[in-house]
Protein backbone atom coordinates (compact mmCIF):
# COMPACT_ATOMS: atom_id res chain seq x y z
CA UNK A 1 -153.42 -27.88 -82.86
CA UNK A 2 -156.23 -27.77 -80.46
CA UNK A 3 -158.11 -30.97 -78.76
CA UNK A 4 -161.30 -31.48 -77.46
CA UNK A 5 -162.05 -33.05 -74.38
CA UNK A 6 -164.92 -35.13 -73.84
CA UNK A 7 -166.99 -32.34 -72.05
CA UNK A 8 -166.18 -29.79 -74.50
CA UNK A 9 -167.55 -32.38 -77.63
CA UNK A 10 -171.19 -32.86 -75.00
CA UNK A 11 -171.32 -28.91 -75.02
CA UNK A 12 -170.68 -28.74 -79.09
CA UNK A 13 -173.34 -31.84 -79.58
CA UNK A 14 -176.14 -30.00 -76.86
CA UNK A 15 -175.48 -26.72 -79.32
CA UNK A 16 -173.79 -24.76 -77.18
CA UNK A 17 -173.31 -21.45 -79.13
CA UNK A 18 -169.91 -20.13 -77.48
CA UNK A 19 -168.14 -23.86 -78.26
CA UNK A 20 -169.32 -23.94 -82.02
CA UNK A 21 -168.67 -19.85 -82.48
CA UNK A 22 -165.47 -21.06 -81.41
CA UNK A 23 -164.34 -24.06 -83.89
CA UNK A 24 -165.73 -21.92 -86.39
CA UNK A 25 -162.84 -19.60 -85.71
CA UNK A 26 -160.48 -22.65 -85.02
CA UNK A 27 -161.53 -23.74 -88.83
CA UNK A 28 -161.23 -20.61 -90.42
CA UNK A 29 -157.90 -20.44 -89.23
CA UNK A 30 -157.17 -23.58 -91.06
CA UNK A 31 -155.67 -25.32 -87.47
CA UNK A 32 -157.13 -28.53 -86.71
CA UNK A 33 -159.21 -29.51 -84.18
CA UNK A 34 -158.58 -33.48 -83.03
CA UNK A 35 -159.73 -35.48 -80.13
CA UNK A 36 -158.72 -38.51 -78.66
CA UNK A 37 -159.29 -41.88 -78.99
CA UNK A 38 -160.04 -41.91 -74.86
CA UNK A 39 -162.79 -39.39 -76.14
CA UNK A 40 -164.51 -41.24 -78.60
CA UNK A 41 -164.86 -44.17 -76.43
CA UNK A 42 -166.70 -41.67 -73.36
CA UNK A 43 -168.80 -39.96 -75.82
CA UNK A 44 -169.44 -43.75 -77.50
CA UNK A 45 -170.38 -44.88 -74.09
CA UNK A 46 -172.28 -42.80 -72.72
CA UNK A 47 -174.42 -42.78 -76.50
CA UNK A 48 -174.89 -45.91 -76.27
CA UNK A 49 -176.11 -46.03 -72.64
CA UNK A 50 -178.63 -43.74 -72.96
CA UNK A 51 -179.76 -45.71 -76.34
CA UNK A 52 -179.45 -42.53 -78.43
CA UNK A 53 -178.76 -43.48 -82.15
CA UNK A 54 -179.56 -40.23 -83.50
CA UNK A 55 -176.77 -38.21 -81.75
CA UNK A 56 -174.20 -41.81 -82.18
CA UNK A 57 -174.75 -41.26 -85.76
CA UNK A 58 -174.55 -37.84 -85.90
CA UNK A 59 -171.07 -38.08 -83.91
CA UNK A 60 -169.88 -41.06 -86.00
CA UNK A 61 -170.23 -38.18 -88.66
CA UNK A 62 -168.67 -35.81 -86.69
CA UNK A 63 -165.01 -38.20 -86.39
CA UNK A 64 -165.45 -37.92 -90.37
CA UNK A 65 -164.09 -34.12 -89.76
CA UNK A 66 -161.59 -33.88 -87.27
CA UNK A 67 -158.47 -35.58 -86.58
CA UNK A 68 -158.41 -38.79 -84.39
CA UNK A 69 -155.59 -39.39 -81.85
CA UNK A 70 -154.84 -42.80 -80.40
CA UNK A 71 -152.65 -44.54 -78.04
CA UNK A 72 -148.80 -45.59 -79.21
CA UNK A 73 -145.65 -46.35 -77.26
CA UNK A 74 -144.87 -42.74 -76.69
CA UNK A 75 -148.07 -42.33 -75.13
CA UNK A 76 -147.69 -44.61 -73.06
CA UNK A 77 -144.16 -43.53 -71.63
CA UNK A 78 -145.33 -40.54 -71.30
CA UNK A 79 -148.35 -41.07 -69.37
CA UNK A 80 -146.76 -43.40 -66.95
CA UNK A 81 -144.48 -40.27 -66.64
CA UNK A 82 -147.29 -38.21 -65.36
CA UNK A 83 -148.99 -40.96 -63.63
CA UNK A 84 -145.59 -41.02 -61.46
CA UNK A 85 -144.84 -37.36 -61.24
CA UNK A 86 -148.46 -36.95 -60.07
CA UNK A 87 -148.46 -39.37 -57.47
CA UNK A 88 -145.02 -38.79 -55.94
CA UNK A 89 -146.48 -35.17 -55.63
CA UNK A 90 -149.69 -36.63 -53.77
CA UNK A 91 -151.80 -35.90 -56.76
CA UNK A 92 -154.43 -38.61 -58.16
CA UNK A 93 -156.46 -38.01 -61.52
CA UNK A 94 -157.85 -40.24 -63.63
CA UNK A 95 -156.20 -42.82 -66.28
CA UNK A 96 -158.87 -41.86 -69.44
CA UNK A 97 -157.35 -37.74 -68.18
CA UNK A 98 -153.88 -38.98 -67.96
CA UNK A 99 -154.06 -40.82 -71.38
CA UNK A 100 -156.01 -37.82 -73.25
CA UNK A 101 -152.91 -35.60 -71.63
CA UNK A 102 -150.48 -37.97 -73.02
CA UNK A 103 -151.88 -38.22 -76.27
CA UNK A 104 -152.27 -34.16 -76.52
CA UNK A 105 -148.90 -33.70 -75.39
CA UNK A 106 -146.70 -35.84 -77.55
CA UNK A 107 -148.85 -34.34 -80.27
CA UNK A 108 -147.90 -30.75 -78.79
CA UNK A 109 -151.49 -30.05 -79.34
CA UNK A 110 -153.54 -27.22 -76.91
CA UNK A 111 -156.34 -29.46 -74.72
CA UNK A 112 -159.97 -27.29 -74.33
CA UNK A 113 -161.68 -28.50 -71.34
CA UNK A 114 -164.01 -27.16 -69.25
CA UNK A 115 -162.79 -29.61 -66.20
CA UNK A 116 -159.44 -27.53 -66.50
CA UNK A 117 -159.07 -29.07 -62.47
CA UNK A 118 -159.24 -32.61 -64.04
CA UNK A 119 -155.80 -31.51 -64.99
CA UNK A 120 -153.96 -29.75 -62.39
CA UNK A 121 -150.69 -30.63 -61.90
CA UNK A 122 -149.37 -31.03 -65.63
CA UNK A 123 -147.18 -28.70 -66.13
CA UNK A 124 -146.35 -29.56 -69.68
CA UNK A 125 -150.06 -29.29 -70.70
CA UNK A 126 -151.01 -26.40 -72.46
CA UNK A 127 -154.87 -26.18 -71.33
CA UNK A 128 -157.61 -23.71 -71.84
CA UNK A 129 -161.43 -23.48 -71.31
CA UNK A 130 -163.63 -21.77 -74.14
CA UNK A 131 -166.13 -21.35 -71.48
CA UNK A 132 -164.69 -18.96 -69.04
């Protein structure tokens, strides 16, 4: 399963042809495209802040075509372990990125992000960048 990070979703909505082509390849392979509830929040808060109702409606339509994964007890446990191991290694990343990574790990997915450095130090996270 392919999980799209917030920046990749933004590229998609800004009509990036590379992202659209990669998404079509995934769909053609009958693989699922997913996002996390954290990504939903990050996208919606930006659209609402900009008062961009047109893109907000487009995003809500997009949500009907992708799987949206939420936070459960196992995700919280994984996220807590990630935070602890990163902190012990002297690395810090934002809580949103830790939760996104935990959801992807919990669901045996691969995260597509253009900000791969946000996830440095999370060794058991499958991570790719479609824009490199």
